[in-house]
Amino acid sequence: MNDFRSGGLNQMRWSEYLEFIRRAGLRVEFLAVNPQLRRLPPLYALSGALRRIPGIRDYIVSSVYTILR
C-alpha cells in the first residue's frame, strides 16, 4: 500500500470500482455500501450523504456487498 487511499475494496477506490462495473458492462442487482453502519442510523445516514460528494466518496466507503450480472 503506497498511501492511505489505496487500501480496501481489494486495493481499489470506490470510484474505480464503479468505473470497473460500468466498463465491464455489468448490471448491479444488489448493492449494500457500509452495511455495518446500519446499527448506527446517524452514521449510516451521514455515510450515505458523504458518499454522494465526488471529492469525498473514496474516503467514506469501507465495505461493499454487490451482486453483479
N, C-alpha and C. Protein backbone atom coordinates (compact mmCIF):
# COMPACT_ATOMS: atom_id res chain seq x y z
N MET A 1 0.85 -1.17 0.00
CA MET A 1 0.00 0.00 0.00
C MET A 1 0.89 1.23 0.00
N ASN A 2 0.71 2.08 -1.01
CA ASN A 2 1.54 3.27 -1.14
C ASN A 2 1.09 4.43 -0.28
N ASP A 3 -0.20 4.56 -0.08
CA ASP A 3 -0.74 5.62 0.77
C ASP A 3 -2.07 5.17 1.34
N PHE A 4 -2.65 5.99 2.20
CA PHE A 4 -3.86 5.58 2.91
C PHE A 4 -5.07 5.45 1.99
N ARG A 5 -5.02 6.02 0.78
CA ARG A 5 -6.16 5.95 -0.13
C ARG A 5 -6.19 4.65 -0.92
N SER A 6 -5.13 3.89 -0.93
CA SER A 6 -5.07 2.73 -1.81
C SER A 6 -5.50 1.42 -1.15
N GLY A 7 -6.00 1.45 0.07
CA GLY A 7 -6.42 0.23 0.75
C GLY A 7 -7.90 -0.04 0.56
N GLY A 8 -8.32 -1.22 0.98
CA GLY A 8 -9.73 -1.57 0.93
C GLY A 8 -10.21 -1.90 -0.48
N LEU A 9 -11.42 -2.45 -0.56
CA LEU A 9 -12.03 -2.82 -1.83
C LEU A 9 -11.01 -3.48 -2.76
N ASN A 10 -10.21 -4.40 -2.17
CA ASN A 10 -9.16 -5.08 -2.94
C ASN A 10 -8.20 -4.10 -3.59
N GLN A 11 -7.79 -3.11 -2.80
CA GLN A 11 -6.85 -2.08 -3.27
C GLN A 11 -7.46 -1.18 -4.35
N MET A 12 -8.78 -1.08 -4.39
CA MET A 12 -9.47 -0.29 -5.40
C MET A 12 -10.28 0.80 -4.70
N ARG A 13 -10.23 1.99 -5.22
CA ARG A 13 -11.06 3.07 -4.68
C ARG A 13 -12.51 2.85 -5.13
N TRP A 14 -13.44 3.43 -4.39
CA TRP A 14 -14.87 3.30 -4.69
C TRP A 14 -15.15 3.77 -6.11
N SER A 15 -14.61 4.91 -6.49
CA SER A 15 -14.85 5.43 -7.84
C SER A 15 -14.28 4.49 -8.90
N GLU A 16 -13.14 3.86 -8.63
CA GLU A 16 -12.55 2.90 -9.56
C GLU A 16 -13.43 1.65 -9.67
N TYR A 17 -13.98 1.21 -8.56
CA TYR A 17 -14.87 0.05 -8.56
C TYR A 17 -16.10 0.32 -9.42
N LEU A 18 -16.71 1.49 -9.25
CA LEU A 18 -17.88 1.84 -10.04
C LEU A 18 -17.53 1.93 -11.52
N GLU A 19 -16.37 2.47 -11.83
CA GLU A 19 -15.93 2.57 -13.22
C GLU A 19 -15.68 1.17 -13.80
N PHE A 20 -15.09 0.29 -13.02
CA PHE A 20 -14.86 -1.09 -13.46
C PHE A 20 -16.18 -1.77 -13.82
N ILE A 21 -17.18 -1.61 -12.98
CA ILE A 21 -18.50 -2.20 -13.23
C ILE A 21 -19.08 -1.65 -14.53
N ARG A 22 -18.99 -0.34 -14.69
CA ARG A 22 -19.53 0.31 -15.90
C ARG A 22 -18.82 -0.19 -17.15
N ARG A 23 -17.49 -0.18 -17.14
CA ARG A 23 -16.72 -0.60 -18.31
C ARG A 23 -16.91 -2.08 -18.65
N ALA A 24 -17.13 -2.89 -17.65
CA ALA A 24 -17.33 -4.32 -17.87
C ALA A 24 -18.73 -4.62 -18.41
N GLY A 25 -19.60 -3.61 -18.41
CA GLY A 25 -20.95 -3.81 -18.90
C GLY A 25 -21.82 -4.62 -17.95
N LEU A 26 -21.44 -4.61 -16.68
CA LEU A 26 -22.20 -5.37 -15.68
C LEU A 26 -23.36 -4.55 -15.15
N ARG A 27 -24.36 -5.24 -14.66
CA ARG A 27 -25.53 -4.60 -14.08
C ARG A 27 -25.57 -4.94 -12.60
N VAL A 28 -25.82 -3.95 -11.78
CA VAL A 28 -25.89 -4.15 -10.33
C VAL A 28 -27.26 -4.68 -9.96
N GLU A 29 -27.29 -5.88 -9.40
CA GLU A 29 -28.54 -6.49 -8.94
C GLU A 29 -28.79 -6.14 -7.47
N PHE A 30 -27.73 -6.06 -6.71
CA PHE A 30 -27.82 -5.75 -5.28
C PHE A 30 -26.57 -4.98 -4.87
N LEU A 31 -26.76 -3.95 -4.06
CA LEU A 31 -25.62 -3.16 -3.60
C LEU A 31 -25.88 -2.69 -2.17
N ALA A 32 -24.98 -3.03 -1.29
CA ALA A 32 -25.03 -2.54 0.10
C ALA A 32 -23.67 -1.93 0.41
N VAL A 33 -23.67 -0.64 0.70
CA VAL A 33 -22.44 0.08 0.99
C VAL A 33 -22.41 0.42 2.47
N ASN A 34 -21.31 0.07 3.12
CA ASN A 34 -21.13 0.29 4.56
C ASN A 34 -22.29 -0.27 5.38
N PRO A 35 -22.69 -1.52 5.13
CA PRO A 35 -23.84 -2.07 5.86
C PRO A 35 -23.61 -2.19 7.36
N GLN A 36 -22.35 -2.23 7.78
CA GLN A 36 -22.05 -2.31 9.21
C GLN A 36 -22.55 -1.08 9.96
N LEU A 37 -22.79 0.01 9.27
CA LEU A 37 -23.25 1.24 9.92
C LEU A 37 -24.77 1.28 10.12
N ARG A 38 -25.49 0.31 9.60
CA ARG A 38 -26.95 0.32 9.77
C ARG A 38 -27.36 0.25 11.23
N ARG A 39 -26.48 -0.29 12.06
CA ARG A 39 -26.78 -0.35 13.51
C ARG A 39 -26.67 1.03 14.15
N LEU A 40 -26.06 1.97 13.44
CA LEU A 40 -25.86 3.33 13.94
C LEU A 40 -26.49 4.30 12.94
N PRO A 41 -27.82 4.45 12.96
CA PRO A 41 -28.53 5.22 11.94
C PRO A 41 -27.95 6.60 11.62
N PRO A 42 -27.52 7.40 12.62
CA PRO A 42 -26.96 8.71 12.25
C PRO A 42 -25.69 8.59 11.40
N LEU A 43 -24.82 7.65 11.73
CA LEU A 43 -23.60 7.45 10.96
C LEU A 43 -23.89 6.88 9.58
N TYR A 44 -24.88 6.00 9.51
CA TYR A 44 -25.26 5.41 8.22
C TYR A 44 -25.81 6.50 7.29
N ALA A 45 -26.62 7.38 7.82
CA ALA A 45 -27.16 8.49 7.03
C ALA A 45 -26.05 9.44 6.59
N LEU A 46 -25.13 9.75 7.49
CA LEU A 46 -24.01 10.62 7.16
C LEU A 46 -23.14 9.98 6.08
N SER A 47 -22.88 8.70 6.23
CA SER A 47 -22.10 7.96 5.24
C SER A 47 -22.77 8.04 3.87
N GLY A 48 -24.06 7.85 3.82
CA GLY A 48 -24.80 7.93 2.56
C GLY A 48 -24.73 9.30 1.93
N ALA A 49 -24.84 10.34 2.75
CA ALA A 49 -24.77 11.70 2.23
C ALA A 49 -23.37 12.03 1.71
N LEU A 50 -22.35 11.67 2.47
CA LEU A 50 -20.98 11.97 2.06
C LEU A 50 -20.56 11.17 0.83
N ARG A 51 -21.15 10.00 0.66
CA ARG A 51 -20.83 9.15 -0.48
C ARG A 51 -21.28 9.79 -1.79
N ARG A 52 -22.16 10.73 -1.74
CA ARG A 52 -22.65 11.41 -2.94
C ARG A 52 -21.75 12.56 -3.37
N ILE A 53 -20.77 12.92 -2.58
CA ILE A 53 -19.87 14.03 -2.88
C ILE A 53 -18.62 13.48 -3.57
N PRO A 54 -18.41 13.81 -4.85
CA PRO A 54 -17.31 13.20 -5.61
C PRO A 54 -15.93 13.29 -4.95
N GLY A 55 -15.54 14.38 -4.39
CA GLY A 55 -14.21 14.51 -3.82
C GLY A 55 -14.01 13.77 -2.51
N ILE A 56 -15.11 13.32 -1.91
CA ILE A 56 -15.05 12.68 -0.60
C ILE A 56 -15.38 11.19 -0.66
N ARG A 57 -16.15 10.78 -1.63
CA ARG A 57 -16.71 9.41 -1.65
C ARG A 57 -15.67 8.31 -1.52
N ASP A 58 -14.49 8.49 -2.07
CA ASP A 58 -13.47 7.43 -1.99
C ASP A 58 -12.96 7.22 -0.58
N TYR A 59 -13.17 8.17 0.30
CA TYR A 59 -12.69 8.07 1.68
C TYR A 59 -13.76 7.57 2.65
N ILE A 60 -14.99 7.41 2.19
CA ILE A 60 -16.13 7.06 3.04
C ILE A 60 -16.47 5.58 2.97
N VAL A 61 -16.33 4.98 1.81
CA VAL A 61 -16.73 3.58 1.61
C VAL A 61 -15.68 2.65 2.20
N SER A 62 -16.12 1.78 3.12
CA SER A 62 -15.19 0.84 3.73
C SER A 62 -15.55 -0.61 3.44
N SER A 63 -16.82 -0.89 3.15
CA SER A 63 -17.21 -2.25 2.79
C SER A 63 -18.38 -2.21 1.82
N VAL A 64 -18.37 -3.19 0.91
CA VAL A 64 -19.38 -3.24 -0.14
C VAL A 64 -19.79 -4.69 -0.37
N TYR A 65 -21.07 -4.93 -0.43
CA TYR A 65 -21.61 -6.21 -0.84
C TYR A 65 -22.35 -5.96 -2.16
N THR A 66 -21.97 -6.68 -3.22
CA THR A 66 -22.54 -6.45 -4.53
C THR A 66 -22.85 -7.77 -5.22
N ILE A 67 -24.00 -7.80 -5.89
CA ILE A 67 -24.31 -8.89 -6.80
C ILE A 67 -24.40 -8.25 -8.18
N LEU A 68 -23.56 -8.76 -9.10
CA LEU A 68 -23.49 -8.21 -10.45
C LEU A 68 -23.94 -9.25 -11.45
N ARG A 69 -24.52 -8.81 -12.54
CA ARG A 69 -24.91 -9.71 -13.65
C ARG A 69 -24.36 -9.17 -14.94
